[in-house]
Structures are given as C-alpha cells and as structure tokens.
Amino acid sequence: MEAFSFYLPTRIYFGAETWREALEKEQAHLQGTVMVVSTGRSLQRLGYLPAFVEALEALRGGRSVLIYDHVSANPRLKEVEEAVRIGREDGVDTVIGFGGGSAMDAAKATAAGIGSEHSVRDLLLKGITPSEKTPRIYAVPTTAGTGSELSRGAILSSPEDGVKTGIRGEHIAPAVAIVDSSFTYHVPPRTTAETGFDVFAHAMESFVSRRSNDVSRMLSERAIALVGKHLPHLMEQPDDHASRDAMSYASLLMGSNLAHVGTALPHRMQYPVGAHTDTSHGAGLLALYPAWLRHEYAAGETSAARIDRTMTLLSGHACEGWAACEEAFSDFLAALDVRKGLRALGIQGEAAALAAEVTGAIDRDPAAEEPDILRKIYEASME
C-alpha cells in the first residue's frame, strides 16, 4: 500500500434544505464583522441571497452584514481589490462566499487580501502565500462543479495583465463549507452542463495525476460514476432534485481532491483561454478535453489503464482500448450538447502563443512528457 497524507481543515455541512440549520450551528462564529461576497444578480432574483442574508442577520440579533455582490462570472482582480478595501476599512473578520465558484474564489481572495500586509495584486501576480491572519472563510456553493468550497486556491483574472491565475495557500481553505444542493435546483441547463463537466474534469485529472493516491482515486471513481449517471440525466430532467443532490455531492468529493492532488494539463491550459476570451471555465475545459484525453491515453500503460477504468465508470459499460474509450466519451459530450472549439470561444491567436502562457507544475501530468504537448493540444482543440 502506498504512503499518503490527508488533511481536511474544513468542517462540512451537507444536505438539501439544511443551510439554516448549519448557520445556527455556526452562530457563535458569526458574531463579528461579516462580509458576504456574491455574484448577486440571479441569486437576488431567485431570492436565495436575500433569504441567506436575512437568516444570517437574525442569528446576529438583527445586526447587518456587509454585502459585496459585484463579482463577475470570471472574478477580476479589480473587483477583489475593492472588496478588500471595504473589508479592511470595516475590520471584517469573517468572509462568506455565496454563489458559484467565482463567488467563492473572490471571497477567498478577499479574505487573503484583508489579512495580508501585501496587496492582493502582489498575492496574485507574485505568488505570495496568504498569511495566518486571513479572516475566517465560509463557502456556500450554489452550483455543483467547482469544488472551491474545499480547495486551497482562489482563481482570478486580471485583463489588464492578460493573465488568469491563482492565489494559493493553506490559510484560504474555508473553515466551513455549507453544501446545500437546494441552491442548485434552478441552475440553467448550460451552466449545469459546464459546471458538471468541471466535476468530471477534477475527477479525471486527479485520477491520472502523478500525485494521486489510493484515497484520491477512490474519490475520483465515485465522482465519475455519479457524473456519468446524473449529469446527462439532468440535461433531460433538470428538475430531478435527486440528481442535483448527487452532483453537489460529487463536486464536494472533488473539492477534497483539488486540495490534496490538484489538477493536470487541461486546467492549466484553460487559464490562458479564459483570460483571452472571458468564457466560462467549463467551456474551456470542454474544448480541450478530447485532444488531451487522446494524448493522455498514449502516455503509457498506467494512463491507458486508468482511462479505461474511468470511461467504464462514466458510461456504465466496459471500455477497453482507445477506440472504446473515445466512443464512450463522445457519447457523454453529445449528451451535454454544449461543446465548442477554441475558435468558437473567441481564441484568435496561434496555439504556440497560448502554450507559452501556461504556468504551473505541468509535470504532474504523465502526458506532459510528450514534446510540444501544449501546442499540440491547443492546435487540435481549435475547431
């Protein structure tokens, strides 16, 4: 049995219609100066954000909380800088991310900025690690996909610098995650597909990664089986609450893998795509995955065996050999019906230029040993 370490600093509350009970259990920790960071618009329209804030204020004896709801779908450095300014002025000691991955990432980055002697810009662009003075973070996801409620990273875009990258460190792991799938019941089909595909991508990449271990692979297998069963079903039956619950659970599992294993080439390669096109994270992954999966299968016997296993779980029938795996994956993408190539997403430059913008530890991916692999994947993903 291989050696591994596993540490999860986040208290998890999971279950449909349980968020009020979770807040009550956390009441003692929510009495200071609290800021709620949210995307706001759809959550306001659905009544989720007003209800959440009202319940939170009631637990605080009627004392109000700060609300910062100017977060974009791809959270921007300037937005977080403004939230940090407000948070520092008001002495915020608890930051709650309420929304999709963008809200949770913005909340974690905001907390990092409030607690640091450095600017949030330096934390992002110079790779400075957030300090132990980071305010307490709560993560309340309203989509099933990003796993940001457990991860130790906060991904931001800076259009002025032409980059999309992350603030990372153990001190921005949320202290508490409240994962209530009822918040996802009205997520529209395209967002359901794109965020759901992100769950699959986390599972797939952490399964083939050189950093994977017995525990992470076990969690990946469970998540892939859940996605294969429930995500295509939600494209036909979006009101199936049981499938929504299952996707929230799969996303939560993969938040743990993000914290312990991380991702592989597709996630690193999506960041330049997102920076140039301002398209969703899931859309970029969908564009890149067919080409990456083909190269990953050719990276060696271990990678091929693991893809055989994951495609079997995804499809529900035995897959052995690249042809069978490719067919199973193509059927899965067809059921989602949201994939576009990089050109359709707005990429105008050449593959080599995109490849030069990829950063991070790409050597965790077995496929990274192939010469010029980044350019090859980008090139094959254009159309």
Protein backbone atom coordinates (compact mmCIF):
# COMPACT_ATOMS: atom_id res chain seq x y z
CA MET A 1 0.00 0.00 0.00
CA GLU A 2 1.43 3.37 -1.00
CA ALA A 3 2.10 6.14 1.53
CA PHE A 4 0.00 9.31 1.55
CA SER A 5 -1.07 12.18 3.80
CA PHE A 6 -4.59 13.54 4.10
CA TYR A 7 -5.70 16.68 5.93
CA LEU A 8 -9.01 18.45 5.55
CA PRO A 9 -9.28 21.65 7.63
CA THR A 10 -12.86 22.38 6.56
CA ARG A 11 -15.96 21.49 8.57
CA ILE A 12 -18.59 20.26 6.10
CA TYR A 13 -22.35 20.56 6.35
CA PHE A 14 -24.01 18.66 3.51
CA GLY A 15 -27.65 18.13 2.62
CA ALA A 16 -30.65 19.62 0.85
CA GLU A 17 -32.55 22.28 2.78
CA THR A 18 -30.04 22.20 5.65
CA TRP A 19 -28.32 25.57 5.28
CA ARG A 20 -30.35 27.30 8.03
CA GLU A 21 -29.51 24.56 10.50
CA ALA A 22 -25.84 24.80 9.52
CA LEU A 23 -25.81 28.56 10.15
CA GLU A 24 -27.41 28.02 13.55
CA LYS A 25 -24.65 25.59 14.49
CA GLU A 26 -22.08 28.21 13.46
CA GLN A 27 -23.82 31.08 15.26
CA ALA A 28 -21.04 31.62 17.78
CA HIS A 29 -18.50 32.16 14.98
CA LEU A 30 -20.67 34.62 13.06
CA GLN A 31 -20.94 37.45 15.59
CA GLY A 32 -18.06 39.63 14.39
CA THR A 33 -17.89 41.79 11.28
CA VAL A 34 -19.13 39.63 8.40
CA MET A 35 -18.90 40.24 4.66
CA VAL A 36 -20.90 38.19 2.15
CA VAL A 37 -19.25 38.05 -1.28
CA SER A 38 -21.63 37.05 -4.05
CA THR A 39 -22.30 37.31 -7.77
CA GLY A 40 -25.69 38.63 -6.72
CA ARG A 41 -27.91 39.06 -9.76
CA SER A 42 -29.50 35.65 -10.35
CA LEU A 43 -29.26 34.83 -6.67
CA GLN A 44 -31.16 38.01 -5.88
CA ARG A 45 -33.81 37.18 -8.48
CA LEU A 46 -34.28 33.67 -7.11
CA GLY A 47 -34.46 35.02 -3.57
CA TYR A 48 -31.53 32.91 -2.36
CA LEU A 49 -29.23 35.76 -1.36
CA PRO A 50 -31.91 37.82 0.46
CA ALA A 51 -33.05 34.74 2.39
CA PHE A 52 -29.49 33.82 3.31
CA VAL A 53 -28.62 37.32 4.50
CA GLU A 54 -31.89 37.66 6.42
CA ALA A 55 -31.26 34.40 8.28
CA LEU A 56 -27.66 35.40 8.96
CA GLU A 57 -28.67 38.77 10.37
CA ALA A 58 -31.34 37.15 12.55
CA LEU A 59 -28.66 34.93 14.10
CA ARG A 60 -26.69 38.10 14.81
CA GLY A 61 -29.52 39.73 16.72
CA GLY A 62 -30.52 41.90 13.79
CA ARG A 63 -27.05 43.34 13.19
CA SER A 64 -26.41 43.80 9.50
CA VAL A 65 -23.71 42.19 7.40
CA LEU A 66 -21.72 43.73 4.59
CA ILE A 67 -22.67 42.57 1.09
CA TYR A 68 -20.29 42.78 -1.85
CA ASP A 69 -22.09 41.49 -4.94
CA HIS A 70 -20.03 42.97 -7.77
CA VAL A 71 -18.27 39.74 -8.73
CA SER A 72 -18.11 38.74 -12.40
CA ALA A 73 -18.51 35.22 -13.74
CA ASN A 74 -14.71 35.24 -14.05
CA PRO A 75 -13.78 37.19 -10.90
CA ARG A 76 -11.44 40.06 -11.61
CA LEU A 77 -8.53 41.38 -9.61
CA LYS A 78 -10.02 44.90 -9.54
CA GLU A 79 -13.28 43.58 -8.08
CA VAL A 80 -11.42 41.81 -5.30
CA GLU A 81 -9.24 44.87 -4.65
CA GLU A 82 -12.42 46.88 -4.00
CA ALA A 83 -13.81 44.18 -1.69
CA VAL A 84 -10.50 44.11 0.20
CA ARG A 85 -10.58 47.90 0.60
CA ILE A 86 -14.06 47.72 2.11
CA GLY A 87 -13.14 44.76 4.28
CA ARG A 88 -10.07 46.44 5.71
CA GLU A 89 -11.93 49.68 6.44
CA ASP A 90 -14.70 47.84 8.30
CA GLY A 91 -12.48 45.36 10.12
CA VAL A 92 -14.03 42.27 8.57
CA ASP A 93 -13.11 39.07 10.40
CA THR A 94 -15.37 36.61 8.54
CA VAL A 95 -15.85 36.36 4.76
CA ILE A 96 -18.63 34.23 3.27
CA GLY A 97 -18.55 33.24 -0.38
CA PHE A 98 -22.14 32.68 -1.52
CA GLY A 99 -22.58 31.63 -5.12
CA GLY A 100 -20.76 29.65 -7.78
CA GLY A 101 -17.04 29.12 -7.98
CA SER A 102 -16.50 32.77 -8.90
CA ALA A 103 -18.07 34.00 -5.66
CA MET A 104 -16.16 31.51 -3.53
CA ASP A 105 -12.85 32.26 -5.25
CA ALA A 106 -13.46 36.01 -4.87
CA ALA A 107 -14.31 35.50 -1.20
CA LYS A 108 -11.14 33.54 -0.54
CA ALA A 109 -9.04 36.13 -2.37
CA THR A 110 -10.79 38.92 -0.46
CA ALA A 111 -10.04 37.25 2.87
CA ALA A 112 -6.42 36.73 1.81
CA GLY A 113 -6.11 40.41 0.93
CA ILE A 114 -7.70 41.61 4.16
CA GLY A 115 -5.34 39.50 6.25
CA SER A 116 -2.14 40.30 4.40
CA GLU A 117 0.34 43.13 4.62
CA HIS A 118 0.74 42.74 0.87
CA SER A 119 -1.65 43.94 -1.81
CA VAL A 120 -3.99 41.38 -3.30
CA ARG A 121 -2.32 42.16 -6.62
CA ASP A 122 1.03 41.00 -5.25
CA LEU A 123 -0.57 37.92 -3.76
CA LEU A 124 -1.90 37.03 -7.20
CA LEU A 125 0.88 38.06 -9.56
CA LYS A 126 3.93 37.43 -7.34
CA GLY A 127 2.68 34.18 -5.84
CA ILE A 128 2.86 35.40 -2.25
CA THR A 129 1.22 32.95 0.17
CA PRO A 130 -1.70 34.25 2.27
CA SER A 131 -0.89 34.69 5.96
CA GLU A 132 -2.29 33.08 9.09
CA LYS A 133 -4.10 36.39 9.75
CA THR A 134 -6.55 35.61 6.94
CA PRO A 135 -10.14 36.07 8.21
CA ARG A 136 -12.31 33.02 8.74
CA ILE A 137 -13.82 31.85 5.45
CA TYR A 138 -17.19 30.21 4.81
CA ALA A 139 -18.05 28.74 1.41
CA VAL A 140 -21.67 28.24 0.34
CA PRO A 141 -21.84 26.93 -3.26
CA THR A 142 -24.93 27.48 -5.40
CA THR A 143 -23.67 25.43 -8.35
CA ALA A 144 -22.36 21.86 -8.48
CA GLY A 145 -18.98 21.90 -10.11
CA THR A 146 -16.03 23.91 -8.93
CA GLY A 147 -15.13 22.24 -5.63
CA SER A 148 -13.93 25.64 -4.42
CA GLU A 149 -15.65 25.03 -1.09
CA LEU A 150 -12.74 22.76 -0.10
CA SER A 151 -9.83 23.85 -2.26
CA ARG A 152 -6.87 25.96 -1.18
CA GLY A 153 -6.84 28.21 -4.24
CA ALA A 154 -8.64 31.30 -5.49
CA ILE A 155 -8.57 31.82 -9.26
CA LEU A 156 -8.78 35.42 -10.53
CA SER A 157 -8.41 37.16 -13.88
CA SER A 158 -6.53 40.37 -14.50
CA PRO A 159 -7.45 41.56 -18.01
CA GLU A 160 -5.01 44.46 -17.68
CA ASP A 161 -2.17 41.98 -17.26
CA GLY A 162 -3.64 39.41 -19.65
CA VAL A 163 -3.50 36.65 -17.04
CA LYS A 164 -5.76 34.23 -15.20
CA THR A 165 -4.04 32.61 -12.26
CA GLY A 166 -4.49 31.85 -8.59
CA ILE A 167 -3.76 32.83 -5.01
CA ARG A 168 -2.90 29.63 -3.18
CA GLY A 169 -2.16 28.54 0.35
CA GLU A 170 -3.47 26.59 3.31
CA HIS A 171 -4.86 29.68 5.03
CA ILE A 172 -7.52 30.24 2.37
CA ALA A 173 -9.01 26.79 2.76
CA PRO A 174 -12.54 27.55 4.02
CA ALA A 175 -13.10 26.90 7.70
CA VAL A 176 -16.65 25.83 6.90
CA ALA A 177 -18.41 24.59 3.77
CA ILE A 178 -22.20 24.58 3.69
CA VAL A 179 -23.16 22.45 0.68
CA ASP A 180 -26.92 22.62 0.27
CA SER A 181 -27.99 21.25 -3.11
CA SER A 182 -31.34 23.07 -2.97
CA PHE A 183 -29.44 26.19 -4.07
CA THR A 184 -28.68 24.41 -7.37
CA TYR A 185 -32.25 23.43 -8.23
CA HIS A 186 -32.77 26.34 -10.64
CA VAL A 187 -29.36 26.41 -12.33
CA PRO A 188 -29.98 26.68 -16.11
CA PRO A 189 -29.02 23.79 -18.43
CA ARG A 190 -25.86 25.26 -19.94
CA THR A 191 -24.43 26.20 -16.56
CA THR A 192 -25.43 22.80 -15.21
CA ALA A 193 -23.53 21.12 -18.05
CA GLU A 194 -20.42 23.29 -17.84
CA THR A 195 -20.08 23.19 -14.05
CA GLY A 196 -20.94 19.49 -14.03
CA PHE A 197 -18.22 18.83 -16.58
CA ASP A 198 -15.79 20.58 -14.24
CA VAL A 199 -16.63 17.92 -11.64
CA PHE A 200 -15.72 15.23 -14.16
CA ALA A 201 -12.53 17.11 -15.09
CA HIS A 202 -11.42 17.32 -11.46
CA ALA A 203 -12.06 13.60 -11.06
CA MET A 204 -10.35 12.62 -14.29
CA GLU A 205 -7.26 14.78 -13.81
CA SER A 206 -6.75 13.86 -10.16
CA PHE A 207 -7.14 10.19 -11.14
CA VAL A 208 -4.33 10.19 -13.73
CA SER A 209 -2.10 12.66 -11.88
CA ARG A 210 1.26 11.53 -10.60
CA ARG A 211 0.18 12.95 -7.22
CA SER A 212 -2.83 10.66 -6.97
CA ASN A 213 -3.09 8.04 -4.23
CA ASP A 214 -5.46 5.28 -3.17
CA VAL A 215 -7.78 7.67 -1.35
CA SER A 216 -7.96 10.28 -4.10
CA ARG A 217 -8.51 7.64 -6.78
CA MET A 218 -11.31 6.11 -4.73
CA LEU A 219 -12.99 9.53 -4.51
CA SER A 220 -12.45 10.10 -8.24
CA GLU A 221 -14.10 6.80 -9.11
CA ARG A 222 -17.13 7.66 -7.01
CA ALA A 223 -17.44 11.12 -8.54
CA ILE A 224 -17.07 9.89 -12.14
CA ALA A 225 -19.76 7.27 -11.64
CA LEU A 226 -22.11 9.89 -10.19
CA VAL A 227 -21.44 12.34 -13.03
CA GLY A 228 -21.93 9.66 -15.68
CA LYS A 229 -25.30 8.71 -14.24
CA HIS A 230 -26.72 12.06 -13.21
CA LEU A 231 -25.32 14.83 -15.43
CA PRO A 232 -26.70 13.54 -18.76
CA HIS A 233 -29.98 12.84 -16.97
CA LEU A 234 -30.19 16.47 -15.82
CA MET A 235 -29.95 17.61 -19.43
CA GLU A 236 -33.30 15.85 -19.98
CA GLN A 237 -34.80 16.21 -16.50
CA PRO A 238 -33.42 19.43 -14.97
CA ASP A 239 -35.95 19.34 -12.11
CA ASP A 240 -34.74 15.99 -10.76
CA HIS A 241 -33.66 17.00 -7.26
CA ALA A 242 -32.07 13.64 -6.51
CA SER A 243 -29.67 14.13 -9.44
CA ARG A 244 -28.96 17.69 -8.31
CA ASP A 245 -28.12 16.33 -4.86
CA ALA A 246 -25.81 13.71 -6.38
CA MET A 247 -23.94 16.30 -8.43
CA SER A 248 -23.42 18.51 -5.37
CA TYR A 249 -22.01 15.50 -3.54
CA ALA A 250 -19.68 14.64 -6.43
CA SER A 251 -18.48 18.24 -6.56
CA LEU A 252 -17.77 18.18 -2.84
CA LEU A 253 -15.74 14.98 -3.16
CA MET A 254 -13.64 16.58 -5.86
CA GLY A 255 -13.04 19.64 -3.74
CA SER A 256 -11.10 17.28 -1.49
CA ASN A 257 -9.08 16.03 -4.46
CA LEU A 258 -8.34 19.60 -5.50
CA ALA A 259 -6.94 20.26 -2.04
CA HIS A 260 -4.79 17.12 -1.96
CA VAL A 261 -3.90 16.27 -5.55
CA GLY A 262 -4.75 19.23 -7.75
CA THR A 263 -5.37 19.07 -11.46
CA ALA A 264 -3.50 18.23 -14.66
CA LEU A 265 -2.87 19.82 -18.05
CA PRO A 266 -6.44 20.82 -19.06
CA HIS A 267 -6.94 23.10 -16.07
CA ARG A 268 -3.58 24.78 -16.55
CA MET A 269 -4.35 25.19 -20.24
CA GLN A 270 -7.81 26.64 -19.64
CA TYR A 271 -6.48 29.64 -17.75
CA PRO A 272 -4.99 31.39 -20.82
CA VAL A 273 -8.19 30.58 -22.73
CA GLY A 274 -10.32 32.15 -20.02
CA ALA A 275 -8.03 35.17 -19.77
CA HIS A 276 -8.28 35.87 -23.51
CA THR A 277 -11.97 35.10 -24.05
CA ASP A 278 -13.71 35.72 -20.69
CA THR A 279 -15.58 32.45 -21.28
CA SER A 280 -16.50 30.03 -18.52
CA HIS A 281 -14.02 27.61 -17.02
CA GLY A 282 -16.18 24.67 -18.06
CA ALA A 283 -16.43 25.84 -21.65
CA GLY A 284 -12.65 25.98 -21.97
CA LEU A 285 -12.25 22.53 -20.46
CA LEU A 286 -14.86 21.10 -22.81
CA ALA A 287 -12.91 22.46 -25.77
CA LEU A 288 -9.61 20.99 -24.61
CA TYR A 289 -10.63 17.60 -23.29
CA PRO A 290 -10.97 15.38 -26.39
CA ALA A 291 -7.44 16.18 -27.57
CA TRP A 292 -5.94 15.94 -24.08
CA LEU A 293 -7.62 12.62 -23.39
CA ARG A 294 -6.19 11.15 -26.61
CA HIS A 295 -2.65 12.20 -25.70
CA GLU A 296 -3.13 11.08 -22.10
CA TYR A 297 -4.13 7.60 -23.25
CA ALA A 298 -0.90 7.37 -25.23
CA ALA A 299 1.25 8.46 -22.26
CA GLY A 300 1.83 4.91 -21.01
CA GLU A 301 0.23 1.73 -19.76
CA THR A 302 -0.78 3.22 -16.41
CA SER A 303 -2.53 6.18 -18.02
CA ALA A 304 -4.29 3.96 -20.54
CA ALA A 305 -5.49 1.58 -17.82
CA ARG A 306 -6.79 4.46 -15.75
CA ILE A 307 -8.68 5.94 -18.68
CA ASP A 308 -10.17 2.52 -19.43
CA ARG A 309 -11.38 2.47 -15.83
CA THR A 310 -12.79 6.00 -15.80
CA MET A 311 -14.59 5.64 -19.14
CA THR A 312 -16.12 2.39 -17.89
CA LEU A 313 -17.43 4.22 -14.82
CA LEU A 314 -18.60 7.19 -16.87
CA SER A 315 -20.51 5.16 -19.45
CA GLY A 316 -21.70 2.30 -17.29
CA HIS A 317 -20.32 -0.36 -19.64
CA ALA A 318 -16.91 -1.94 -20.13
CA CYS A 319 -14.39 0.16 -22.07
CA GLU A 320 -11.03 -1.27 -23.04
CA GLY A 321 -8.80 0.28 -25.67
CA TRP A 322 -8.73 3.80 -27.04
CA ALA A 323 -11.50 3.28 -29.62
CA ALA A 324 -13.98 2.19 -26.96
CA CYS A 325 -12.95 4.98 -24.60
CA GLU A 326 -13.21 7.62 -27.32
CA GLU A 327 -16.69 6.42 -28.24
CA ALA A 328 -17.85 6.48 -24.62
CA PHE A 329 -16.50 9.98 -24.09
CA SER A 330 -18.01 11.24 -27.35
CA ASP A 331 -21.40 9.92 -26.27
CA PHE A 332 -21.04 11.72 -22.95
CA LEU A 333 -20.21 15.03 -24.67
CA ALA A 334 -23.09 14.59 -27.09
CA ALA A 335 -25.49 14.20 -24.17
CA LEU A 336 -24.30 17.52 -22.74
CA ASP A 337 -24.51 19.27 -26.14
CA VAL A 338 -22.51 22.34 -25.10
CA ARG A 339 -19.02 21.79 -26.52
CA LYS A 340 -17.39 24.39 -28.79
CA GLY A 341 -13.86 24.58 -30.14
CA LEU A 342 -11.41 27.26 -29.07
CA ARG A 343 -12.05 29.39 -32.18
CA ALA A 344 -15.76 29.46 -31.39
CA LEU A 345 -14.92 30.58 -27.85
CA GLY A 346 -13.04 33.56 -29.27
CA ILE A 347 -9.41 32.47 -29.47
CA GLN A 348 -7.76 34.42 -32.26
CA GLY A 349 -4.07 33.68 -31.68
CA GLU A 350 -1.90 30.73 -32.53
CA ALA A 351 -1.51 27.58 -30.47
CA ALA A 352 2.18 28.23 -29.79
CA ALA A 353 1.40 31.63 -28.26
CA LEU A 354 -1.19 30.10 -25.93
CA ALA A 355 1.22 27.36 -24.93
CA ALA A 356 3.78 29.95 -23.89
CA GLU A 357 1.29 31.37 -21.37
CA VAL A 358 0.71 28.11 -19.48
CA THR A 359 2.20 28.13 -15.99
CA GLY A 360 2.36 25.77 -13.05
CA ALA A 361 3.53 22.25 -12.33
CA ILE A 362 2.52 20.58 -15.58
CA ASP A 363 4.92 17.71 -14.93
CA ARG A 364 2.32 16.15 -12.61
CA ASP A 365 0.54 15.04 -15.77
CA PRO A 366 2.04 11.93 -17.45
CA ALA A 367 1.17 13.38 -20.87
CA ALA A 368 3.49 16.33 -20.21
CA GLU A 369 6.47 14.17 -21.14
CA GLU A 370 5.44 14.31 -24.79
CA PRO A 371 7.42 17.01 -26.63
CA ASP A 372 5.47 20.16 -27.53
CA ILE A 373 2.35 18.71 -25.90
CA LEU A 374 0.72 22.05 -25.04
CA ARG A 375 0.84 23.33 -28.60
CA LYS A 376 -0.44 20.03 -29.95
CA ILE A 377 -3.48 20.02 -27.66
CA TYR A 378 -4.30 23.66 -28.32
CA GLU A 379 -3.96 23.15 -32.07
CA ALA A 380 -6.21 20.08 -32.09
CA SER A 381 -8.81 21.93 -29.97
CA MET A 382 -9.25 24.96 -32.21
CA GLU A 383 -12.24 23.67 -34.18
